[in-house]
Protein backbone atom coordinates (compact mmCIF):
# COMPACT_ATOMS: atom_id res chain seq x y z
CA MET A 1 23.07 -6.66 -23.29
CA PRO A 2 19.54 -8.12 -22.59
CA VAL A 3 17.90 -7.73 -25.85
CA VAL A 4 14.04 -5.92 -26.67
CA LYS A 5 12.56 -9.30 -26.46
CA LYS A 6 9.21 -9.75 -29.07
CA THR A 7 6.80 -12.20 -27.85
CA ASP A 8 3.47 -13.11 -29.45
CA TYR A 9 0.43 -12.85 -26.82
CA GLU A 10 -2.52 -14.82 -28.71
CA TYR A 11 -5.68 -12.77 -27.79
CA PRO A 12 -9.14 -14.53 -27.35
CA LYS A 13 -10.80 -13.94 -31.12
CA TRP A 14 -13.82 -12.10 -29.07
CA LEU A 15 -11.54 -9.36 -27.54
CA PHE A 16 -10.22 -7.94 -31.30
CA ASN A 17 -9.23 -4.60 -30.02
CA GLY A 18 -7.02 -2.74 -27.66
CA HIS A 19 -10.51 -1.22 -26.01
CA LEU A 20 -12.01 -4.72 -25.32
CA GLN A 21 -8.97 -6.12 -24.56
CA THR A 22 -8.79 -3.35 -21.71
CA ILE A 23 -13.02 -3.32 -21.28
CA ILE A 24 -13.86 -6.87 -20.57
CA PRO A 25 -10.92 -8.17 -18.13
CA SER A 26 -11.30 -4.31 -16.13
CA LEU A 27 -15.25 -4.99 -15.35
CA PHE A 28 -16.04 -8.55 -15.58
CA ARG A 29 -12.70 -10.58 -14.28
CA ASP A 30 -14.17 -12.60 -11.24
CA PRO A 31 -12.62 -11.84 -8.14
CA HIS A 32 -10.49 -13.80 -6.51
CA SER A 33 -10.86 -15.89 -2.83
CA LEU A 34 -7.57 -15.48 -0.55
CA PRO A 35 -6.57 -15.26 2.71
CA PHE A 36 -5.34 -11.84 2.67
CA GLU A 37 -4.23 -10.99 6.45
CA ARG A 38 -4.29 -7.01 6.81
CA GLU A 39 -2.02 -4.33 8.21
CA ARG A 40 -2.08 -1.31 8.72
CA VAL A 41 0.99 0.51 9.33
CA THR A 42 1.70 4.22 10.17
CA THR A 43 4.67 6.01 7.69
CA PRO A 44 6.71 8.43 9.11
CA ASP A 45 5.33 11.58 8.57
CA GLY A 46 2.28 10.13 10.28
CA ASP A 47 0.28 9.24 7.84
CA PHE A 48 -0.93 4.94 7.30
CA LEU A 49 -0.98 2.22 4.64
CA ASP A 50 -2.83 -0.56 4.34
CA LEU A 51 -1.18 -3.75 3.11
CA ASP A 52 -2.35 -6.69 2.40
CA TRP A 53 -1.11 -9.33 3.06
CA LEU A 54 -0.59 -13.62 1.60
CA ARG A 55 2.18 -15.61 4.12
CA ASN A 56 3.01 -19.34 2.49
CA SER A 57 6.42 -18.82 5.14
CA SER A 58 8.50 -18.30 2.58
CA GLN A 59 11.79 -16.58 2.27
CA LYS A 60 10.57 -14.80 -0.85
CA LEU A 61 8.28 -12.40 -1.47
CA VAL A 62 6.44 -10.38 -3.76
CA ILE A 63 5.37 -6.88 -3.71
CA ILE A 64 2.35 -5.55 -5.87
CA SER A 65 1.56 -1.92 -6.56
CA HIS A 66 -1.44 -0.88 -8.22
CA GLY A 67 -2.65 1.67 -11.10
CA LEU A 68 -4.71 4.94 -11.05
CA GLU A 69 -7.46 4.86 -8.31
CA GLY A 70 -6.82 1.58 -8.13
CA ASN A 71 -6.26 -0.52 -5.15
CA SER A 72 -5.00 -3.84 -3.26
CA GLN A 73 -8.21 -5.48 -3.92
CA ARG A 74 -8.65 -5.02 -7.74
CA PRO A 75 -8.84 -8.14 -9.58
CA TYR A 76 -5.08 -7.81 -11.81
CA MET A 77 -3.44 -7.66 -8.51
CA THR A 78 -5.24 -10.31 -6.89
CA GLY A 79 -4.82 -12.47 -9.72
CA MET A 80 -1.57 -11.89 -10.16
CA ALA A 81 -1.36 -12.54 -6.51
CA ARG A 82 -2.80 -15.78 -6.78
CA HIS A 83 -0.21 -16.81 -9.51
CA PHE A 84 3.02 -16.28 -7.10
CA PHE A 85 1.07 -17.82 -3.71
CA ALA A 86 0.18 -20.87 -5.51
CA ASN A 87 4.28 -20.91 -6.39
CA GLY A 88 4.89 -20.84 -2.71
CA PHE A 89 5.67 -17.29 -2.15
CA ASP A 90 4.66 -14.25 0.41
CA VAL A 91 3.18 -11.65 -1.75
CA LEU A 92 1.91 -7.82 -0.69
CA ASN A 93 -0.66 -6.13 -2.22
CA TRP A 94 -0.32 -2.66 -0.80
CA ASN A 95 -2.92 0.09 -1.00
CA PHE A 96 -1.77 3.80 -2.11
CA ARG A 97 -2.78 6.81 0.68
CA GLY A 98 -6.82 6.80 -0.15
CA CYS A 99 -7.42 4.19 -1.77
CA SER A 100 -8.24 1.60 0.84
CA GLU A 101 -11.75 3.26 0.87
CA GLU A 102 -10.64 5.52 3.57
CA LEU A 103 -9.45 8.79 2.96
CA ASN A 104 -5.55 9.29 4.28
CA ASN A 105 -4.84 11.23 7.17
CA LYS A 106 -2.54 14.52 5.25
CA PRO A 107 -3.94 16.36 2.26
CA ILE A 108 -1.49 14.96 0.02
CA PHE A 109 -2.85 11.90 -2.07
CA TYR A 110 -0.95 9.04 -4.24
CA HIS A 111 1.04 10.45 -6.98
CA SER A 112 3.00 8.88 -9.72
CA GLY A 113 6.37 9.39 -8.38
CA ALA A 114 5.28 9.16 -4.80
CA THR A 115 8.47 6.81 -4.12
CA TYR A 116 9.06 7.85 -0.56
CA ASP A 117 5.96 5.27 0.08
CA LEU A 118 6.89 2.00 -1.46
CA ASP A 119 11.00 3.12 0.00
CA PHE A 120 8.28 2.62 2.95
CA VAL A 121 6.76 -0.07 2.54
CA VAL A 122 9.39 -2.24 1.25
CA GLY A 123 11.77 -1.17 4.10
CA HIS A 124 8.91 -2.87 6.69
CA ALA A 125 7.98 -5.49 4.36
CA SER A 126 11.64 -7.06 3.65
CA GLN A 127 13.06 -7.60 7.20
CA LYS A 128 12.01 -11.30 7.04
CA TYR A 129 12.86 -12.38 3.64
CA GLU A 130 16.08 -12.95 2.14
CA SER A 131 13.96 -12.32 -1.46
CA VAL A 132 11.86 -9.49 -2.26
CA TYR A 133 10.50 -9.17 -6.21
CA LEU A 134 8.60 -5.83 -7.13
CA ILE A 135 5.85 -6.41 -9.12
CA GLY A 136 3.39 -2.74 -10.52
CA PHE A 137 0.55 -2.12 -12.79
CA SER A 138 0.24 1.25 -14.71
CA LEU A 139 1.19 4.38 -12.54
CA GLY A 140 2.30 1.22 -9.98
CA GLY A 141 4.97 0.11 -12.85
CA ASN A 142 5.95 3.56 -13.59
CA LEU A 143 6.46 4.50 -9.54
CA THR A 144 8.20 1.32 -9.47
CA LEU A 145 10.71 1.11 -12.19
CA LYS A 146 11.35 5.08 -10.85
CA TYR A 147 11.74 4.37 -7.52
CA LEU A 148 14.40 1.47 -8.44
CA GLY A 149 15.85 3.78 -11.11
CA GLU A 150 16.42 6.62 -7.93
CA LYS A 151 19.63 7.43 -6.58
CA ARG A 152 18.87 6.79 -2.76
CA ALA A 153 19.46 3.54 -0.72
CA ARG A 154 17.32 0.22 -1.07
CA THR A 155 17.69 -3.24 0.88
CA PRO A 156 19.76 -5.73 -1.72
CA LYS A 157 17.12 -7.91 -1.21
CA ILE A 158 15.52 -6.37 -4.28
CA LYS A 159 15.91 -9.25 -6.90
CA LYS A 160 13.90 -8.72 -9.87
CA ALA A 161 10.88 -6.51 -10.61
CA VAL A 162 8.02 -6.41 -13.66
CA ALA A 163 6.18 -3.39 -14.89
CA ILE A 164 3.28 -4.11 -16.77
CA SER A 165 1.44 -1.65 -19.07
CA VAL A 166 3.51 1.16 -17.98
CA PRO A 167 3.08 5.06 -18.97
CA LEU A 168 7.27 5.64 -19.12
CA HIS A 169 6.50 9.44 -20.62
CA LEU A 170 3.69 10.87 -18.27
CA GLU A 171 2.77 13.74 -20.41
CA SER A 172 2.74 11.96 -24.21
CA ALA A 173 0.56 9.47 -22.27
CA CYS A 174 -1.60 11.66 -20.27
CA ILE A 175 -2.21 13.36 -23.92
CA LYS A 176 -3.06 9.86 -25.47
CA ILE A 177 -5.71 8.80 -23.36
CA SER A 178 -7.46 12.30 -23.05
CA THR A 179 -8.02 12.68 -26.82
CA GLY A 180 -9.87 11.31 -29.32
CA GLU A 181 -11.98 7.83 -28.49
CA ASN A 182 -9.92 7.11 -25.57
CA ILE A 183 -11.16 9.70 -23.65
CA MET A 184 -14.09 7.06 -22.06
CA TYR A 185 -11.05 6.38 -19.74
CA ALA A 186 -10.39 9.89 -18.72
CA LYS A 187 -13.78 10.66 -18.26
CA ARG A 188 -13.93 7.79 -15.99
CA PHE A 189 -11.10 8.32 -13.33
CA LEU A 190 -11.50 12.11 -13.40
CA LYS A 191 -14.88 11.02 -11.96
CA THR A 192 -13.64 9.08 -9.09
CA LEU A 193 -10.74 11.48 -8.33
CA LYS A 194 -12.56 14.54 -8.23
CA GLU A 195 -14.93 12.79 -5.73
CA LYS A 196 -11.98 12.05 -3.45
CA VAL A 197 -11.04 16.17 -3.98
CA ILE A 198 -14.62 16.57 -2.90
CA ARG A 199 -14.31 14.59 0.55
CA LYS A 200 -10.53 15.39 1.31
CA ALA A 201 -11.45 18.91 0.86
CA MET A 202 -14.03 18.59 3.79
CA LYS A 203 -10.96 17.37 6.36
CA PHE A 204 -8.83 20.30 4.74
CA PRO A 205 -10.54 23.18 3.18
CA ASP A 206 -7.25 25.09 3.52
CA GLU A 207 -5.14 23.04 1.59
CA ILE A 208 -7.49 22.27 -0.78
CA PRO A 209 -9.62 24.42 -3.13
CA THR A 210 -12.55 23.08 -4.89
CA GLY A 211 -13.71 26.21 -6.59
CA MET A 212 -11.99 25.07 -10.05
CA LEU A 213 -13.05 21.72 -10.22
CA ARG A 214 -16.06 22.45 -12.75
CA LYS A 215 -13.83 23.81 -15.18
CA ILE A 216 -11.58 20.33 -14.77
CA LYS A 217 -11.86 18.88 -18.25
CA THR A 218 -8.83 16.10 -18.53
CA LEU A 219 -6.22 14.41 -16.24
CA GLN A 220 -3.74 17.06 -17.45
CA ASP A 221 -6.16 19.87 -15.79
CA PHE A 222 -6.40 17.90 -12.60
CA ASP A 223 -2.69 17.39 -12.33
CA ASP A 224 -1.95 20.69 -12.79
CA HIS A 225 -4.77 22.32 -10.47
CA TYR A 226 -4.01 19.39 -7.88
CA THR A 227 -1.66 17.12 -8.07
CA GLY A 228 1.33 18.91 -9.40
CA PRO A 229 0.57 21.53 -6.47
CA LEU A 230 -0.12 19.52 -3.56
CA HIS A 231 2.89 17.47 -4.07
CA GLY A 232 5.07 20.09 -4.25
CA PHE A 233 5.38 20.90 -8.23
CA ASP A 234 5.33 23.70 -10.83
CA ASP A 235 2.20 22.38 -12.47
CA ALA A 236 1.17 18.72 -14.66
CA HIS A 237 4.60 19.42 -16.70
CA ASP A 238 6.82 19.80 -13.53
CA TYR A 239 5.12 17.20 -11.89
CA TYR A 240 5.62 14.78 -15.36
CA GLU A 241 8.98 15.35 -16.32
CA GLN A 242 10.34 14.94 -12.86
CA ASN A 243 8.27 11.66 -12.15
CA SER A 244 8.43 9.83 -15.65
CA SER A 245 10.06 6.38 -15.13
CA LEU A 246 11.42 7.06 -18.67
CA TYR A 247 14.26 9.00 -17.46
CA PHE A 248 15.27 6.58 -14.60
CA LEU A 249 15.81 3.34 -16.97
CA ASP A 250 19.24 4.04 -17.37
CA GLN A 251 19.64 3.65 -14.01
CA ILE A 252 17.79 0.32 -12.92
CA GLU A 253 20.73 -2.08 -11.58
CA VAL A 254 18.62 -5.43 -10.95
CA PRO A 255 16.76 -6.90 -13.35
CA SER A 256 13.43 -5.32 -14.76
CA LEU A 257 10.57 -6.48 -17.48
CA ILE A 258 8.56 -4.28 -18.81
CA LEU A 259 5.51 -5.12 -20.71
CA ASN A 260 3.51 -2.77 -22.78
CA ALA A 261 0.95 -4.02 -25.26
CA GLN A 262 1.60 -1.80 -28.69
CA ASN A 263 -2.45 -1.68 -28.82
CA ASP A 264 -2.35 -0.11 -25.38
CA PRO A 265 -4.98 3.07 -25.20
CA PHE A 266 -3.54 4.83 -22.76
CA LEU A 267 0.21 4.94 -23.94
CA SER A 268 1.96 7.12 -26.19
CA ASP A 269 4.74 5.89 -28.91
CA ARG A 270 6.84 6.98 -25.99
CA CYS A 271 6.57 4.59 -24.07
CA PHE A 272 7.86 1.97 -26.45
CA PRO A 273 11.25 2.97 -25.93
CA ILE A 274 13.26 0.38 -28.29
CA SER A 275 15.69 1.81 -29.17
CA LEU A 276 16.83 2.93 -25.71
CA GLY A 277 16.38 -0.77 -24.62
CA ARG A 278 19.19 -2.38 -26.34
CA LYS A 279 21.44 -0.12 -24.44
CA LEU A 280 20.43 -0.99 -21.61
CA GLU A 281 21.97 -3.84 -18.98
CA GLN A 282 19.24 -4.66 -16.57
CA VAL A 283 15.61 -3.68 -18.32
CA TRP A 284 14.43 -5.89 -20.71
CA MET A 285 11.26 -4.65 -22.74
CA ASP A 286 8.33 -6.97 -24.13
CA PHE A 287 5.97 -5.82 -26.73
CA PRO A 288 3.55 -7.83 -27.63
CA LYS A 289 1.50 -6.67 -30.56
CA TYR A 290 -2.16 -7.00 -28.10
CA GLY A 291 -3.25 -6.64 -24.55
CA GLY A 292 -4.78 -3.84 -24.20
CA HIS A 293 -3.96 -2.07 -20.93
CA VAL A 294 -3.79 -4.47 -17.72
CA GLY A 295 -5.06 -6.80 -19.87
CA PHE A 296 -3.80 -9.52 -21.53
CA SER A 297 -6.58 -11.93 -20.95
CA PRO A 298 -6.15 -16.00 -21.50
CA ARG A 299 -7.99 -17.75 -23.62
CA LYS A 300 -9.83 -19.95 -21.65
CA LYS A 301 -11.93 -18.38 -19.01
CA ALA A 302 -9.53 -20.22 -16.46
CA ASP A 303 -6.52 -20.10 -17.48
CA ILE A 304 -4.44 -17.91 -16.07
CA TYR A 305 -3.69 -14.84 -17.50
CA TRP A 306 -0.72 -14.16 -19.76
CA SER A 307 1.00 -11.58 -17.76
CA GLU A 308 0.85 -13.21 -14.68
CA LYS A 309 2.45 -16.34 -16.32
CA ARG A 310 5.25 -13.68 -17.93
CA ALA A 311 5.77 -11.73 -14.70
CA PHE A 312 6.39 -15.99 -12.78
CA GLU A 313 8.89 -17.06 -16.11
CA PHE A 314 10.72 -13.61 -15.55
CA ILE A 315 11.11 -13.57 -11.71
CA THR A 316 11.78 -17.24 -11.63
CA SER A 317 14.57 -17.43 -14.83
CA ASP A 318 17.75 -17.04 -14.49
CA GLN A 319 17.94 -13.81 -15.75
């Protein structure tokens, strides 16, 4: 049975807490210049997704999913892509609906459990490959794990997965990010989410009302009024319960690594299910003390980020 691995990530000494380890790489990490090729694909429901490819003529493909209000070109996405591309893999960074700087064609957005889009991307992208690997950050990590644990037909080409900074239990994680000193993160997300609602409402005025926007103060409020109902859930609680990847871990059948830092300001205690981890056959859990949320900065600026090394190590190992 997999063991809950304990790893010591060594952080730069000046990034001495979880907030700095989260904020500094998010705001100040240098962009990566990579030869991405964009492909726009049409989804089965008539919407579109934008996919960014790096091709080595490899038979191994890594598909990388971003976090809440992220996109395929965020430095954490391109950093991971660069490391695998430099080591001979083909890489696909994909944008969730409405995240590639252009509104999507349907009233719906993306959300933490929208595995129908990931399934479509995997099916479309994997045709010419022998092996496929999935990597997800934050919301994209939840999406990845839920997808692997669902009772659905999936290509056997998927060999391994890595999920980084994952809110395994959505509701408690949402409460954590919306309280105390962590509320600054929630406010930042709410700002862009509200802006997106306003833009979408201009295109779909009957489906997307904006009257209650000024009353929305937390991410839970937003999910209660928009994310949940717009995507077929009763409310925020129903949305969280149906889409938390924590409830799908015991059904995952391919080796998968969860990499969550204990000082991640986005994650609640339920995002570190060590007792469950010891019982799982295919899920490894690595919970270092430090790292922040989608952080794991190297001690030297020119070095590879620790999360990229750890993901590559897991995917290329015999596990």
